């Protein structure tokens, strides 16, 4: 029963996306491959002059972590809404 409750909570609470601005090279893979359209490219640049992605609508994030997996520079992390409860 406990795992069922965790699944329901995860489905209703969005995950948080954290960017490492210095590592990002603006390839936009995270934006392109997000099925929920959580991310978009911004006009903001990092120290190297690359355009950075930004969170457009965090409430749509399902926590699938595809953006994290697809990033060639490991420039973002997805933090689950219930990360403090995970073992």
PDB file of N, CA and C in Angstrom:
ATOM      1  N   UNK A   1       0.819  -1.194   0.000  1.00  0.00           N
ATOM      2  CA  UNK A   1       0.000   0.000   0.000  1.00  0.00           C
ATOM      3  C   UNK A   1       0.865   1.261   0.000  1.00  0.00           C
ATOM      4  N   UNK A   2       1.978   1.205   0.700  1.00  0.00           N
ATOM      5  CA  UNK A   2       2.851   2.376   0.794  1.00  0.00           C
ATOM      6  C   UNK A   2       3.393   2.785  -0.576  1.00  0.00           C
ATOM      7  N   UNK A   3       3.801   1.834  -1.419  1.00  0.00           N
ATOM      8  CA  UNK A   3       4.308   2.151  -2.750  1.00  0.00           C
ATOM      9  C   UNK A   3       3.241   2.785  -3.622  1.00  0.00           C
ATOM     10  N   UNK A   4       1.993   2.359  -3.461  1.00  0.00           N
ATOM     11  CA  UNK A   4       0.892   2.940  -4.221  1.00  0.00           C
ATOM     12  C   UNK A   4       0.733   4.414  -3.876  1.00  0.00           C
ATOM     13  N   UNK A   5       0.820   4.738  -2.606  1.00  0.00           N
ATOM     14  CA  UNK A   5       0.698   6.137  -2.187  1.00  0.00           C
ATOM     15  C   UNK A   5       1.835   6.978  -2.743  1.00  0.00           C
ATOM     16  N   UNK A   6       3.022   6.433  -2.764  1.00  0.00           N
ATOM     17  CA  UNK A   6       4.158   7.156  -3.326  1.00  0.00           C
ATOM     18  C   UNK A   6       3.938   7.439  -4.804  1.00  0.00           C
ATOM     19  N   UNK A   7       3.418   6.471  -5.533  1.00  0.00           N
ATOM     20  CA  UNK A   7       3.162   6.650  -6.960  1.00  0.00           C
ATOM     21  C   UNK A   7       2.133   7.743  -7.197  1.00  0.00           C
ATOM     22  N   UNK A   8       1.078   7.747  -6.390  1.00  0.00           N
ATOM     23  CA  UNK A   8       0.052   8.777  -6.534  1.00  0.00           C
ATOM     24  C   UNK A   8       0.616  10.148  -6.229  1.00  0.00           C
ATOM     25  N   UNK A   9       1.433  10.244  -5.217  1.00  0.00           N
ATOM     26  CA  UNK A   9       2.010  11.534  -4.849  1.00  0.00           C
ATOM     27  C   UNK A   9       2.948  12.019  -5.949  1.00  0.00           C
ATOM     28  N   UNK A  10       3.755  11.128  -6.472  1.00  0.00           N
ATOM     29  CA  UNK A  10       4.701  11.493  -7.519  1.00  0.00           C
ATOM     30  C   UNK A  10       3.961  11.984  -8.755  1.00  0.00           C
ATOM     31  N   UNK A  11       2.814  11.414  -9.031  1.00  0.00           N
ATOM     32  CA  UNK A  11       2.043  11.804 -10.208  1.00  0.00           C
ATOM     33  C   UNK A  11       1.376  13.167 -10.031  1.00  0.00           C
ATOM     34  N   UNK A  12       1.128  13.574  -8.792  1.00  0.00           N
ATOM     35  CA  UNK A  12       0.429  14.832  -8.568  1.00  0.00           C
ATOM     36  C   UNK A  12       1.357  15.989  -8.225  1.00  0.00           C
ATOM     37  N   UNK A  13       2.560  15.713  -7.780  1.00  0.00           N
ATOM     38  CA  UNK A  13       3.497  16.769  -7.421  1.00  0.00           C
ATOM     39  C   UNK A  13       4.616  16.837  -8.449  1.00  0.00           C
ATOM     40  N   UNK A  14       4.861  18.010  -9.025  1.00  0.00           N
ATOM     41  CA  UNK A  14       5.904  18.116 -10.048  1.00  0.00           C
ATOM     42  C   UNK A  14       7.303  17.991  -9.460  1.00  0.00           C
ATOM     43  N   UNK A  15       8.212  17.525 -10.283  1.00  0.00           N
ATOM     44  CA  UNK A  15       9.609  17.473  -9.897  1.00  0.00           C
ATOM     45  C   UNK A  15      10.239  18.837 -10.159  1.00  0.00           C
ATOM     46  N   UNK A  16      11.420  19.034  -9.615  1.00  0.00           N
ATOM     47  CA  UNK A  16      12.123  20.306  -9.791  1.00  0.00           C
ATOM     48  C   UNK A  16      13.326  20.065 -10.689  1.00  0.00           C
ATOM     49  N   UNK A  17      13.591  20.991 -11.595  1.00  0.00           N
ATOM     50  CA  UNK A  17      14.713  20.876 -12.524  1.00  0.00           C
ATOM     51  C   UNK A  17      15.747  21.928 -12.159  1.00  0.00           C
ATOM     52  N   UNK A  18      16.986  21.473 -11.968  1.00  0.00           N
ATOM     53  CA  UNK A  18      18.073  22.360 -11.574  1.00  0.00           C
ATOM     54  C   UNK A  18      19.142  22.327 -12.653  1.00  0.00           C
ATOM     55  N   UNK A  19      19.531  23.505 -13.135  1.00  0.00           N
ATOM     56  CA  UNK A  19      20.540  23.623 -14.188  1.00  0.00           C
ATOM     57  C   UNK A  19      21.899  23.999 -13.610  1.00  0.00           C
ATOM     58  N   UNK A  20      22.948  23.458 -14.199  1.00  0.00           N
ATOM     59  CA  UNK A  20      24.307  23.904 -13.923  1.00  0.00           C
ATOM     60  C   UNK A  20      24.677  24.813 -15.089  1.00  0.00           C
ATOM     61  N   UNK A  21      24.530  26.095 -14.904  1.00  0.00           N
ATOM     62  CA  UNK A  21      24.696  27.080 -15.966  1.00  0.00           C
ATOM     63  C   UNK A  21      26.072  27.025 -16.626  1.00  0.00           C
ATOM     64  N   UNK A  22      27.086  26.724 -15.857  1.00  0.00           N
ATOM     65  CA  UNK A  22      28.446  26.710 -16.391  1.00  0.00           C
ATOM     66  C   UNK A  22      28.714  25.529 -17.316  1.00  0.00           C
ATOM     67  N   UNK A  23      28.005  24.433 -17.115  1.00  0.00           N
ATOM     68  CA  UNK A  23      28.218  23.235 -17.942  1.00  0.00           C
ATOM     69  C   UNK A  23      27.418  23.249 -19.234  1.00  0.00           C
ATOM     70  N   UNK A  24      26.307  23.984 -19.255  1.00  0.00           N
ATOM     71  CA  UNK A  24      25.399  23.970 -20.406  1.00  0.00           C
ATOM     72  C   UNK A  24      26.038  24.632 -21.621  1.00  0.00           C
ATOM     73  N   UNK A  25      25.874  23.978 -22.784  1.00  0.00           N
ATOM     74  CA  UNK A  25      26.378  24.559 -24.027  1.00  0.00           C
ATOM     75  C   UNK A  25      25.246  24.937 -24.989  1.00  0.00           C
ATOM     76  N   UNK A  26      24.018  24.938 -24.482  1.00  0.00           N
ATOM     77  CA  UNK A  26      22.886  25.419 -25.258  1.00  0.00           C
ATOM     78  C   UNK A  26      22.468  24.539 -26.412  1.00  0.00           C
ATOM     79  N   UNK A  27      22.673  23.249 -26.330  1.00  0.00           N
ATOM     80  CA  UNK A  27      22.334  22.345 -27.438  1.00  0.00           C
ATOM     81  C   UNK A  27      20.821  22.188 -27.613  1.00  0.00           C
ATOM     82  N   UNK A  28      20.063  22.463 -26.586  1.00  0.00           N
ATOM     83  CA  UNK A  28      18.596  22.401 -26.525  1.00  0.00           C
ATOM     84  C   UNK A  28      18.019  20.988 -26.642  1.00  0.00           C
ATOM     85  N   UNK A  29      18.829  19.964 -26.443  1.00  0.00           N
ATOM     86  CA  UNK A  29      18.295  18.591 -26.439  1.00  0.00           C
ATOM     87  C   UNK A  29      17.222  18.431 -25.372  1.00  0.00           C
ATOM     88  N   UNK A  30      17.448  18.999 -24.195  1.00  0.00           N
ATOM     89  CA  UNK A  30      16.486  18.866 -23.102  1.00  0.00           C
ATOM     90  C   UNK A  30      15.140  19.476 -23.484  1.00  0.00           C
ATOM     91  N   UNK A  31      15.175  20.582 -24.187  1.00  0.00           N
ATOM     92  CA  UNK A  31      13.950  21.253 -24.627  1.00  0.00           C
ATOM     93  C   UNK A  31      13.256  20.425 -25.707  1.00  0.00           C
ATOM     94  N   UNK A  32      14.009  19.992 -26.677  1.00  0.00           N
ATOM     95  CA  UNK A  32      13.458  19.273 -27.825  1.00  0.00           C
ATOM     96  C   UNK A  32      12.832  17.934 -27.436  1.00  0.00           C
ATOM     97  N   UNK A  33      13.481  17.201 -26.535  1.00  0.00           N
ATOM     98  CA  UNK A  33      13.031  15.850 -26.204  1.00  0.00           C
ATOM     99  C   UNK A  33      12.017  15.782 -25.064  1.00  0.00           C
ATOM    100  N   UNK A  34      11.705  16.893 -24.426  1.00  0.00           N
ATOM    101  CA  UNK A  34      10.726  16.873 -23.336  1.00  0.00           C
ATOM    102  C   UNK A  34       9.314  16.747 -23.915  1.00  0.00           C
ATOM    103  N   UNK A  35       8.682  15.615 -23.661  1.00  0.00           N
ATOM    104  CA  UNK A  35       7.341  15.345 -24.200  1.00  0.00           C
ATOM    105  C   UNK A  35       6.274  16.229 -23.553  1.00  0.00           C
ATOM    106  N   UNK A  36       6.552  16.735 -22.375  1.00  0.00           N
ATOM    107  CA  UNK A  36       5.575  17.548 -21.640  1.00  0.00           C
ATOM    108  C   UNK A  36       5.756  19.052 -21.882  1.00  0.00           C
ATOM    109  N   UNK A  37       6.757  19.428 -22.662  1.00  0.00           N
ATOM    110  CA  UNK A  37       7.057  20.832 -22.962  1.00  0.00           C
ATOM    111  C   UNK A  37       7.269  21.659 -21.689  1.00  0.00           C
ATOM    112  N   UNK A  38       8.053  21.095 -20.786  1.00  0.00           N
ATOM    113  CA  UNK A  38       8.361  21.753 -19.521  1.00  0.00           C
ATOM    114  C   UNK A  38       9.427  22.825 -19.715  1.00  0.00           C
ATOM    115  N   UNK A  39      10.332  22.599 -20.649  1.00  0.00           N
ATOM    116  CA  UNK A  39      11.473  23.500 -20.851  1.00  0.00           C
ATOM    117  C   UNK A  39      11.352  24.297 -22.143  1.00  0.00           C
ATOM    118  N   UNK A  40      12.030  25.438 -22.158  1.00  0.00           N
ATOM    119  CA  UNK A  40      12.140  26.244 -23.377  1.00  0.00           C
ATOM    120  C   UNK A  40      13.482  26.967 -23.321  1.00  0.00           C
ATOM    121  N   UNK A  41      13.935  27.430 -24.472  1.00  0.00           N
ATOM    122  CA  UNK A  41      15.186  28.173 -24.510  1.00  0.00           C
ATOM    123  C   UNK A  41      14.910  29.613 -24.085  1.00  0.00           C
ATOM    124  N   UNK A  42      15.843  30.178 -23.361  1.00  0.00           N
ATOM    125  CA  UNK A  42      15.709  31.561 -22.909  1.00  0.00           C
ATOM    126  C   UNK A  42      16.652  32.461 -23.703  1.00  0.00           C
ATOM    127  N   UNK A  43      16.612  33.710 -23.426  1.00  0.00           N
ATOM    128  CA  UNK A  43      17.524  34.675 -24.040  1.00  0.00           C
ATOM    129  C   UNK A  43      18.768  34.871 -23.179  1.00  0.00           C
ATOM    130  N   UNK A  44      18.767  34.239 -22.013  1.00  0.00           N
ATOM    131  CA  UNK A  44      19.880  34.358 -21.070  1.00  0.00           C
ATOM    132  C   UNK A  44      21.066  33.512 -21.531  1.00  0.00           C
ATOM    133  N   UNK A  45      22.269  34.027 -21.327  1.00  0.00           N
ATOM    134  CA  UNK A  45      23.479  33.282 -21.703  1.00  0.00           C
ATOM    135  C   UNK A  45      24.336  33.017 -20.467  1.00  0.00           C
ATOM    136  N   UNK A  46      25.188  32.011 -20.582  1.00  0.00           N
ATOM    137  CA  UNK A  46      26.134  31.726 -19.511  1.00  0.00           C
ATOM    138  C   UNK A  46      27.454  32.451 -19.792  1.00  0.00           C
ATOM    139  N   UNK A  47      28.480  32.177 -19.005  1.00  0.00           N
ATOM    140  CA  UNK A  47      29.788  32.834 -19.156  1.00  0.00           C
ATOM    141  C   UNK A  47      30.410  32.593 -20.521  1.00  0.00           C
ATOM    142  N   UNK A  48      30.106  31.458 -21.115  1.00  0.00           N
ATOM    143  CA  UNK A  48      30.688  31.103 -22.408  1.00  0.00           C
ATOM    144  C   UNK A  48      29.896  31.667 -23.586  1.00  0.00           C
ATOM    145  N   UNK A  49      28.755  32.288 -23.288  1.00  0.00           N
ATOM    146  CA  UNK A  49      27.942  32.896 -24.334  1.00  0.00           C
ATOM    147  C   UNK A  49      26.882  31.995 -24.922  1.00  0.00           C
ATOM    148  N   UNK A  50      26.666  30.823 -24.335  1.00  0.00           N
ATOM    149  CA  UNK A  50      25.647  29.902 -24.826  1.00  0.00           C
ATOM    150  C   UNK A  50      24.277  30.276 -24.283  1.00  0.00           C
ATOM    151  N   UNK A  51      23.250  30.188 -25.128  1.00  0.00           N
ATOM    152  CA  UNK A  51      21.881  30.389 -24.670  1.00  0.00           C
ATOM    153  C   UNK A  51      21.495  29.253 -23.735  1.00  0.00           C
ATOM    154  N   UNK A  52      20.794  29.593 -22.681  1.00  0.00           N
ATOM    155  CA  UNK A  52      20.432  28.606 -21.670  1.00  0.00           C
ATOM    156  C   UNK A  52      18.960  28.219 -21.755  1.00  0.00           C
ATOM    157  N   UNK A  53      18.650  26.973 -21.427  1.00  0.00           N
ATOM    158  CA  UNK A  53      17.240  26.582 -21.314  1.00  0.00           C
ATOM    159  C   UNK A  53      16.685  27.112 -20.005  1.00  0.00           C
ATOM    160  N   UNK A  54      15.371  27.156 -19.930  1.00  0.00           N
ATOM    161  CA  UNK A  54      14.717  27.541 -18.685  1.00  0.00           C
ATOM    162  C   UNK A  54      13.450  26.716 -18.524  1.00  0.00           C
ATOM    163  N   UNK A  55      12.968  26.677 -17.314  1.00  0.00           N
ATOM    164  CA  UNK A  55      11.734  25.958 -17.021  1.00  0.00           C
ATOM    165  C   UNK A  55      10.569  26.853 -17.423  1.00  0.00           C
ATOM    166  N   UNK A  56       9.759  26.367 -18.347  1.00  0.00           N
ATOM    167  CA  UNK A  56       8.591  27.117 -18.814  1.00  0.00           C
ATOM    168  C   UNK A  56       7.391  26.853 -17.913  1.00  0.00           C
ATOM    169  N   UNK A  57       7.194  25.582 -17.529  1.00  0.00           N
ATOM    170  CA  UNK A  57       6.049  25.219 -16.686  1.00  0.00           C
ATOM    171  C   UNK A  57       6.397  23.975 -15.879  1.00  0.00           C
ATOM    172  N   UNK A  58       6.938  24.196 -14.699  1.00  0.00           N
ATOM    173  CA  UNK A  58       7.383  23.098 -13.841  1.00  0.00           C
ATOM    174  C   UNK A  58       6.232  22.181 -13.417  1.00  0.00           C
ATOM    175  N   UNK A  59       5.022  22.699 -13.399  1.00  0.00           N
ATOM    176  CA  UNK A  59       3.875  21.890 -12.971  1.00  0.00           C
ATOM    177  C   UNK A  59       3.588  20.743 -13.940  1.00  0.00           C
ATOM    178  N   UNK A  60       4.089  20.827 -15.160  1.00  0.00           N
ATOM    179  CA  UNK A  60       3.883  19.760 -16.148  1.00  0.00           C
ATOM    180  C   UNK A  60       4.894  18.622 -16.008  1.00  0.00           C
ATOM    181  N   UNK A  61       5.950  18.833 -15.238  1.00  0.00           N
ATOM    182  CA  UNK A  61       7.036  17.846 -15.143  1.00  0.00           C
ATOM    183  C   UNK A  61       6.561  16.558 -14.476  1.00  0.00           C
ATOM    184  N   UNK A  62       6.759  15.446 -15.174  1.00  0.00           N
ATOM    185  CA  UNK A  62       6.359  14.142 -14.646  1.00  0.00           C
ATOM    186  C   UNK A  62       7.506  13.452 -13.911  1.00  0.00           C
ATOM    187  N   UNK A  63       8.698  14.027 -13.989  1.00  0.00           N
ATOM    188  CA  UNK A  63       9.850  13.434 -13.319  1.00  0.00           C
ATOM    189  C   UNK A  63      10.437  12.255 -14.065  1.00  0.00           C
ATOM    190  N   UNK A  64      10.221  12.164 -15.366  1.00  0.00           N
ATOM    191  CA  UNK A  64      10.720  11.022 -16.149  1.00  0.00           C
ATOM    192  C   UNK A  64      12.243  11.034 -16.293  1.00  0.00           C
ATOM    193  N   UNK A  65      12.854  12.186 -16.135  1.00  0.00           N
ATOM    194  CA  UNK A  65      14.305  12.376 -16.188  1.00  0.00           C
ATOM    195  C   UNK A  65      14.918  12.174 -17.577  1.00  0.00           C
ATOM    196  N   UNK A  66      14.115  12.230 -18.617  1.00  0.00           N
ATOM    197  CA  UNK A  66      14.662  12.107 -19.966  1.00  0.00           C
ATOM    198  C   UNK A  66      15.609  13.267 -20.260  1.00  0.00           C
ATOM    199  N   UNK A  67      15.248  14.462 -19.838  1.00  0.00           N
ATOM    200  CA  UNK A  67      16.110  15.624 -20.073  1.00  0.00           C
ATOM    201  C   UNK A  67      17.471  15.436 -19.406  1.00  0.00           C
ATOM    202  N   UNK A  68      17.462  14.872 -18.230  1.00  0.00           N
ATOM    203  CA  UNK A  68      18.700  14.607 -17.493  1.00  0.00           C
ATOM    204  C   UNK A  68      19.548  13.569 -18.215  1.00  0.00           C
ATOM    205  N   UNK A  69      18.901  12.539 -18.712  1.00  0.00           N
ATOM    206  CA  UNK A  69      19.612  11.456 -19.395  1.00  0.00           C
ATOM    207  C   UNK A  69      20.144  11.874 -20.765  1.00  0.00           C
ATOM    208  N   UNK A  70      19.424  12.748 -21.452  1.00  0.00           N
ATOM    209  CA  UNK A  70      19.781  13.130 -22.821  1.00  0.00           C
ATOM    210  C   UNK A  70      20.862  14.222 -22.852  1.00  0.00           C
ATOM    211  N   UNK A  71      21.073  14.920 -21.771  1.00  0.00           N
ATOM    212  CA  UNK A  71      22.032  16.034 -21.735  1.00  0.00           C
ATOM    213  C   UNK A  71      23.470  15.518 -21.865  1.00  0.00           C
ATOM    214  N   UNK A  72      24.164  15.894 -22.945  1.00  0.00           N
ATOM    215  CA  UNK A  72      25.524  15.396 -23.158  1.00  0.00           C
ATOM    216  C   UNK A  72      26.546  16.005 -22.199  1.00  0.00           C
ATOM    217  N   UNK A  73      26.166  17.076 -21.519  1.00  0.00           N
ATOM    218  CA  UNK A  73      27.105  17.759 -20.631  1.00  0.00           C
ATOM    219  C   UNK A  73      26.750  17.636 -19.149  1.00  0.00           C
ATOM    220  N   UNK A  74      25.761  16.809 -18.841  1.00  0.00           N
ATOM    221  CA  UNK A  74      25.322  16.615 -17.451  1.00  0.00           C
ATOM    222  C   UNK A  74      25.043  17.963 -16.784  1.00  0.00           C
ATOM    223  N   UNK A  75      24.341  18.836 -17.506  1.00  0.00           N
ATOM    224  CA  UNK A  75      24.123  20.201 -17.056  1.00  0.00           C
ATOM    225  C   UNK A  75      22.809  20.408 -16.310  1.00  0.00           C
ATOM    226  N   UNK A  76      22.040  19.348 -16.119  1.00  0.00           N
ATOM    227  CA  UNK A  76      20.813  19.510 -15.345  1.00  0.00           C
ATOM    228  C   UNK A  76      20.499  18.261 -14.557  1.00  0.00           C
ATOM    229  N   UNK A  77      19.739  18.483 -13.487  1.00  0.00           N
ATOM    230  CA  UNK A  77      19.287  17.390 -12.635  1.00  0.00           C
ATOM    231  C   UNK A  77      17.798  17.548 -12.405  1.00  0.00           C
ATOM    232  N   UNK A  78      17.132  16.433 -12.273  1.00  0.00           N
ATOM    233  CA  UNK A  78      15.708  16.440 -11.936  1.00  0.00           C
ATOM    234  C   UNK A  78      15.597  15.940 -10.509  1.00  0.00           C
ATOM    235  N   UNK A  79      15.013  16.744  -9.674  1.00  0.00           N
ATOM    236  CA  UNK A  79      14.853  16.378  -8.269  1.00  0.00           C
ATOM    237  C   UNK A  79      13.390  16.027  -8.049  1.00  0.00           C
ATOM    238  N   UNK A  80      13.172  14.783  -7.671  1.00  0.00           N
ATOM    239  CA  UNK A  80      11.816  14.272  -7.466  1.00  0.00           C
ATOM    240  C   UNK A  80      11.112  15.052  -6.355  1.00  0.00           C
ATOM    241  N   UNK A  81       9.825  15.228  -6.513  1.00  0.00           N
ATOM    242  CA  UNK A  81       9.027  15.955  -5.517  1.00  0.00           C
ATOM    243  C   UNK A  81       9.068  15.279  -4.161  1.00  0.00           C
ATOM    244  N   UNK A  82       9.250  13.985  -4.140  1.00  0.00           N
ATOM    245  CA  UNK A  82       9.323  13.250  -2.879  1.00  0.00           C
ATOM    246  C   UNK A  82      10.717  12.682  -2.640  1.00  0.00           C
ATOM    247  N   UNK A  83      11.754  13.403  -3.042  1.00  0.00           N
ATOM    248  CA  UNK A  83      13.134  12.938  -2.909  1.00  0.00           C
ATOM    249  C   UNK A  83      13.504  12.686  -1.458  1.00  0.00           C
ATOM    250  N   UNK A  84      12.943  13.448  -0.537  1.00  0.00           N
ATOM    251  CA  UNK A  84      13.258  13.272   0.882  1.00  0.00           C
ATOM    252  C   UNK A  84      12.706  11.962   1.435  1.00  0.00           C
ATOM    253  N   UNK A  85      11.741  11.348   0.753  1.00  0.00           N
ATOM    254  CA  UNK A  85      11.158  10.090   1.192  1.00  0.00           C
ATOM    255  C   UNK A  85      11.789   8.873   0.530  1.00  0.00           C
ATOM    256  N   UNK A  86      12.545   9.091  -0.559  1.00  0.00           N
ATOM    257  CA  UNK A  86      13.129   7.967  -1.283  1.00  0.00           C
ATOM    258  C   UNK A  86      14.272   7.389  -0.486  1.00  0.00           C
ATOM    259  N   UNK A  87      14.447   6.079  -0.605  1.00  0.00           N
ATOM    260  CA  UNK A  87      15.500   5.393   0.155  1.00  0.00           C
ATOM    261  C   UNK A  87      16.818   5.495  -0.540  1.00  0.00           C
TER     262      UNK A  87
END
